[in-house]
């Protein structure tokens, strides 16, 4: 795309072009496109089209994470969101970017990073941190993107994708930026979103995050050893 926002959208969310997702706004289910990889101009075309919602998945590395709080979740309130912010601060993520995900009223909490990290490692650290603070990571309540996916049996050529998520601020979708202190709408344009994104990424304490990732790896290895011994 020629538009700077289209270029930035691809640079931020186009890290993994395979198995992208789309659906009609009035549809019930997302469709995974496996016939061909997503391309920059296709992403930008669909993002601007109010008749097509578009989303992406994660690859081996990522420079962001996202938390999803659905409408009807026990955590869809200011107090719980502030507590989630507090949990994120313990791993160095101090300035998350909050959006209303759609007209339904759910929330997407983006955690931009200044540099890429291992996707699965980040997923383990994020889920472990939230659960350690008493949050229930579950569909309909609080979901982590990237998720701690299972791994397919490579000898059978099985591969399990990370869960996909919709792109932010699509026209007509109801997605808009929210003020982090009171969750009130403050705008819906990409220029403002990138400004918040860059500020959030610069505020991340990568040393704390790397420590959390290392701790998550160690805990997972310990759990696997116990599981193997018991079974």
Protein backbone atom coordinates (compact mmCIF):
# COMPACT_ATOMS: atom_id res chain seq x y z
CA UNK A 1 0.00 0.00 0.00
CA UNK A 2 1.04 3.59 -0.64
CA UNK A 3 -0.62 4.89 2.52
CA UNK A 4 1.76 5.16 5.49
CA UNK A 5 -0.90 3.66 7.77
CA UNK A 6 -1.22 0.66 5.48
CA UNK A 7 2.53 0.18 5.53
CA UNK A 8 2.66 0.46 9.32
CA UNK A 9 -0.28 -1.93 9.70
CA UNK A 10 1.59 -4.57 7.70
CA UNK A 11 4.87 -3.97 9.51
CA UNK A 12 3.13 -4.39 12.86
CA UNK A 13 0.69 -7.22 12.19
CA UNK A 14 1.98 -8.89 9.03
CA UNK A 15 4.76 -10.90 10.65
CA UNK A 16 2.95 -14.18 9.87
CA UNK A 17 1.07 -14.18 6.58
CA UNK A 18 -0.39 -17.71 6.69
CA UNK A 19 -3.79 -18.87 7.93
CA UNK A 20 -5.18 -15.35 8.24
CA UNK A 21 -8.82 -14.97 9.23
CA UNK A 22 -11.79 -12.99 7.95
CA UNK A 23 -15.55 -12.76 8.28
CA UNK A 24 -18.56 -10.63 7.41
CA UNK A 25 -19.50 -8.30 10.30
CA UNK A 26 -22.91 -10.00 10.59
CA UNK A 27 -21.45 -13.51 10.43
CA UNK A 28 -21.07 -15.82 13.41
CA UNK A 29 -17.79 -17.53 12.62
CA UNK A 30 -14.39 -16.53 11.35
CA UNK A 31 -13.00 -18.26 8.27
CA UNK A 32 -9.35 -19.26 8.06
CA UNK A 33 -7.83 -18.58 4.65
CA UNK A 34 -5.38 -21.37 3.84
CA UNK A 35 -5.28 -21.12 0.06
CA UNK A 36 -2.75 -18.30 -0.12
CA UNK A 37 -0.76 -16.05 2.25
CA UNK A 38 -1.89 -12.59 3.16
CA UNK A 39 -0.22 -9.76 1.26
CA UNK A 40 0.26 -6.10 2.30
CA UNK A 41 -2.20 -4.65 -0.20
CA UNK A 42 -4.78 -7.33 0.57
CA UNK A 43 -4.52 -6.60 4.30
CA UNK A 44 -4.94 -2.88 3.71
CA UNK A 45 -7.82 -3.39 1.27
CA UNK A 46 -9.75 -5.61 3.70
CA UNK A 47 -8.96 -3.40 6.70
CA UNK A 48 -10.56 -0.40 4.92
CA UNK A 49 -13.58 -2.46 3.84
CA UNK A 50 -16.39 -2.20 6.40
CA UNK A 51 -17.92 -5.37 4.91
CA UNK A 52 -14.95 -7.60 5.79
CA UNK A 53 -13.38 -8.06 9.20
CA UNK A 54 -9.79 -9.28 8.98
CA UNK A 55 -7.41 -10.83 11.47
CA UNK A 56 -3.98 -12.43 11.74
CA UNK A 57 -2.07 -15.06 13.67
CA UNK A 58 1.38 -15.17 15.26
CA UNK A 59 4.59 -16.63 13.90
CA UNK A 60 7.69 -17.80 15.79
CA UNK A 61 8.48 -14.32 17.08
CA UNK A 62 6.32 -11.35 18.00
CA UNK A 63 6.78 -7.73 19.04
CA UNK A 64 3.40 -7.48 20.78
CA UNK A 65 0.83 -9.36 22.80
CA UNK A 66 -2.87 -8.73 23.27
CA UNK A 67 -5.40 -9.56 25.99
CA UNK A 68 -9.05 -10.05 25.07
CA UNK A 69 -11.86 -9.37 27.55
CA UNK A 70 -15.23 -10.27 26.06
CA UNK A 71 -18.60 -8.73 26.74
CA UNK A 72 -20.06 -10.58 29.74
CA UNK A 73 -16.64 -11.27 31.26
CA UNK A 74 -16.24 -10.87 35.02
CA UNK A 75 -13.23 -8.68 34.22
CA UNK A 76 -15.05 -6.12 32.07
CA UNK A 77 -14.86 -3.33 34.63
CA UNK A 78 -12.42 -0.59 35.63
CA UNK A 79 -11.26 -2.30 38.82
CA UNK A 80 -10.36 -5.57 37.09
CA UNK A 81 -8.65 -3.77 34.22
CA UNK A 82 -6.52 -1.79 36.68
CA UNK A 83 -5.61 -5.07 38.40
CA UNK A 84 -4.62 -6.53 35.03
CA UNK A 85 -2.45 -3.48 34.43
CA UNK A 86 -0.82 -4.14 37.80
CA UNK A 87 -0.11 -7.74 36.84
CA UNK A 88 1.46 -6.63 33.55
CA UNK A 89 3.69 -4.16 35.40
CA UNK A 90 5.28 -7.05 37.30
CA UNK A 91 6.79 -8.26 34.01
CA UNK A 92 7.81 -4.83 32.72
CA UNK A 93 4.76 -3.91 30.61
CA UNK A 94 3.81 -0.53 32.04
CA UNK A 95 1.81 1.30 29.34
CA UNK A 96 -0.66 -1.02 27.59
CA UNK A 97 -2.87 0.34 24.82
CA UNK A 98 -6.59 -0.22 25.43
CA UNK A 99 -9.25 -0.48 22.73
CA UNK A 100 -12.92 -1.26 22.61
CA UNK A 101 -12.70 -4.27 20.34
CA UNK A 102 -16.06 -3.79 18.58
CA UNK A 103 -19.60 -2.54 19.06
CA UNK A 104 -20.13 -5.44 21.47
CA UNK A 105 -18.17 -3.51 24.09
CA UNK A 106 -15.37 -5.98 24.79
CA UNK A 107 -11.79 -4.86 25.35
CA UNK A 108 -8.49 -5.52 23.61
CA UNK A 109 -5.44 -4.64 25.68
CA UNK A 110 -2.36 -4.41 23.46
CA UNK A 111 1.15 -4.81 24.86
CA UNK A 112 3.63 -3.46 22.27
CA UNK A 113 7.29 -4.41 22.71
CA UNK A 114 10.41 -2.55 21.53
CA UNK A 115 11.86 -5.73 20.02
CA UNK A 116 10.66 -9.23 19.07
CA UNK A 117 10.72 -12.14 21.50
CA UNK A 118 9.85 -15.82 21.13
CA UNK A 119 6.09 -16.09 20.66
CA UNK A 120 5.54 -19.21 22.74
CA UNK A 121 7.87 -17.94 25.47
CA UNK A 122 5.86 -14.71 25.72
CA UNK A 123 2.61 -16.67 25.78
CA UNK A 124 3.82 -18.79 28.70
CA UNK A 125 5.09 -15.76 30.64
CA UNK A 126 1.90 -13.78 30.08
CA UNK A 127 -0.48 -16.56 31.05
CA UNK A 128 1.61 -17.54 34.08
CA UNK A 129 1.75 -13.96 35.32
CA UNK A 130 -2.00 -13.44 35.06
CA UNK A 131 -2.83 -16.75 36.72
CA UNK A 132 -0.35 -16.04 39.52
CA UNK A 133 -2.30 -12.83 40.20
CA UNK A 134 -5.55 -14.78 40.47
CA UNK A 135 -6.99 -14.21 36.99
CA UNK A 136 -8.74 -17.00 35.15
CA UNK A 137 -7.38 -17.23 31.62
CA UNK A 138 -10.27 -18.76 29.71
CA UNK A 139 -12.45 -18.19 26.66
CA UNK A 140 -15.13 -15.60 27.33
CA UNK A 141 -13.32 -14.26 30.38
CA UNK A 142 -9.71 -13.34 29.67
CA UNK A 143 -7.75 -14.67 26.69
CA UNK A 144 -4.10 -14.21 25.85
CA UNK A 145 -2.79 -13.64 22.34
CA UNK A 146 -0.43 -15.33 21.68
CA UNK A 147 -1.90 -18.36 23.40
CA UNK A 148 0.00 -21.32 24.85
CA UNK A 149 -0.88 -23.60 21.99
CA UNK A 150 -0.26 -27.32 21.82
CA UNK A 151 2.29 -28.58 19.31
CA UNK A 152 1.35 -31.02 16.60
CA UNK A 153 3.13 -34.30 15.97
CA UNK A 154 5.83 -33.32 13.51
CA UNK A 155 6.35 -36.91 12.39
CA UNK A 156 2.73 -36.87 11.20
CA UNK A 157 3.23 -33.42 9.64
CA UNK A 158 0.76 -31.90 12.08
CA UNK A 159 1.02 -28.19 12.81
CA UNK A 160 -1.13 -26.21 15.25
CA UNK A 161 -1.56 -22.50 14.58
CA UNK A 162 -1.72 -19.81 17.22
CA UNK A 163 -5.16 -18.33 17.71
CA UNK A 164 -5.97 -15.42 15.42
CA UNK A 165 -7.23 -12.00 16.42
CA UNK A 166 -8.94 -9.20 14.54
CA UNK A 167 -7.00 -6.13 13.49
CA UNK A 168 -7.66 -2.96 15.48
CA UNK A 169 -9.77 0.06 14.54
CA UNK A 170 -11.37 -1.23 11.35
CA UNK A 171 -13.85 1.32 9.94
CA UNK A 172 -17.42 0.51 10.94
CA UNK A 173 -16.39 -2.20 13.42
CA UNK A 174 -16.95 -0.13 16.56
CA UNK A 175 -13.31 -0.46 17.56
CA UNK A 176 -11.88 2.68 19.16
CA UNK A 177 -9.10 3.80 21.47
CA UNK A 178 -9.97 4.10 25.15
CA UNK A 179 -8.37 6.14 27.90
CA UNK A 180 -6.57 3.69 30.19
CA UNK A 181 -7.60 5.54 33.35
CA UNK A 182 -11.38 5.44 32.82
CA UNK A 183 -11.97 3.30 29.67
CA UNK A 184 -13.76 6.13 27.87
CA UNK A 185 -13.47 6.55 24.07
CA UNK A 186 -10.76 8.98 22.93
CA UNK A 187 -10.64 8.39 19.16
CA UNK A 188 -10.44 5.81 16.47
CA UNK A 189 -7.78 6.82 13.95
CA UNK A 190 -4.62 4.85 13.24
CA UNK A 191 -2.32 7.87 13.60
CA UNK A 192 -3.28 8.23 17.24
CA UNK A 193 -3.07 4.49 17.73
CA UNK A 194 0.54 4.39 16.46
CA UNK A 195 1.43 7.26 18.77
CA UNK A 196 0.10 5.33 21.78
CA UNK A 197 1.75 2.15 20.45
CA UNK A 198 5.21 3.71 20.19
CA UNK A 199 4.96 5.31 23.62
CA UNK A 200 3.90 1.98 25.14
CA UNK A 201 6.75 0.07 23.46
CA UNK A 202 9.36 2.55 24.69
CA UNK A 203 8.07 2.20 28.25
CA UNK A 204 8.58 -1.59 28.44
CA UNK A 205 11.27 -2.80 30.83
CA UNK A 206 12.80 -5.52 28.66
CA UNK A 207 15.06 -6.75 31.45
CA UNK A 208 12.03 -7.50 33.63
CA UNK A 209 10.25 -9.12 30.70
CA UNK A 210 13.22 -11.34 29.86
CA UNK A 211 13.38 -12.44 33.51
CA UNK A 212 9.68 -13.31 33.40
CA UNK A 213 10.17 -15.25 30.17
CA UNK A 214 13.10 -17.17 31.70
CA UNK A 215 11.03 -17.94 34.81
CA UNK A 216 8.15 -19.12 32.64
CA UNK A 217 10.47 -21.46 30.76
CA UNK A 218 11.86 -22.88 34.01
CA UNK A 219 8.40 -23.43 35.49
CA UNK A 220 7.19 -25.12 32.33
CA UNK A 221 10.18 -27.48 32.27
CA UNK A 222 9.61 -28.30 35.95
CA UNK A 223 5.93 -28.97 35.30
CA UNK A 224 6.75 -31.25 32.36
CA UNK A 225 9.19 -33.25 34.49
CA UNK A 226 6.57 -33.72 37.23
CA UNK A 227 3.92 -34.66 34.68
CA UNK A 228 6.23 -37.24 33.09
CA UNK A 229 7.08 -38.76 36.48
CA UNK A 230 3.43 -39.06 37.47
CA UNK A 231 2.33 -40.57 34.18
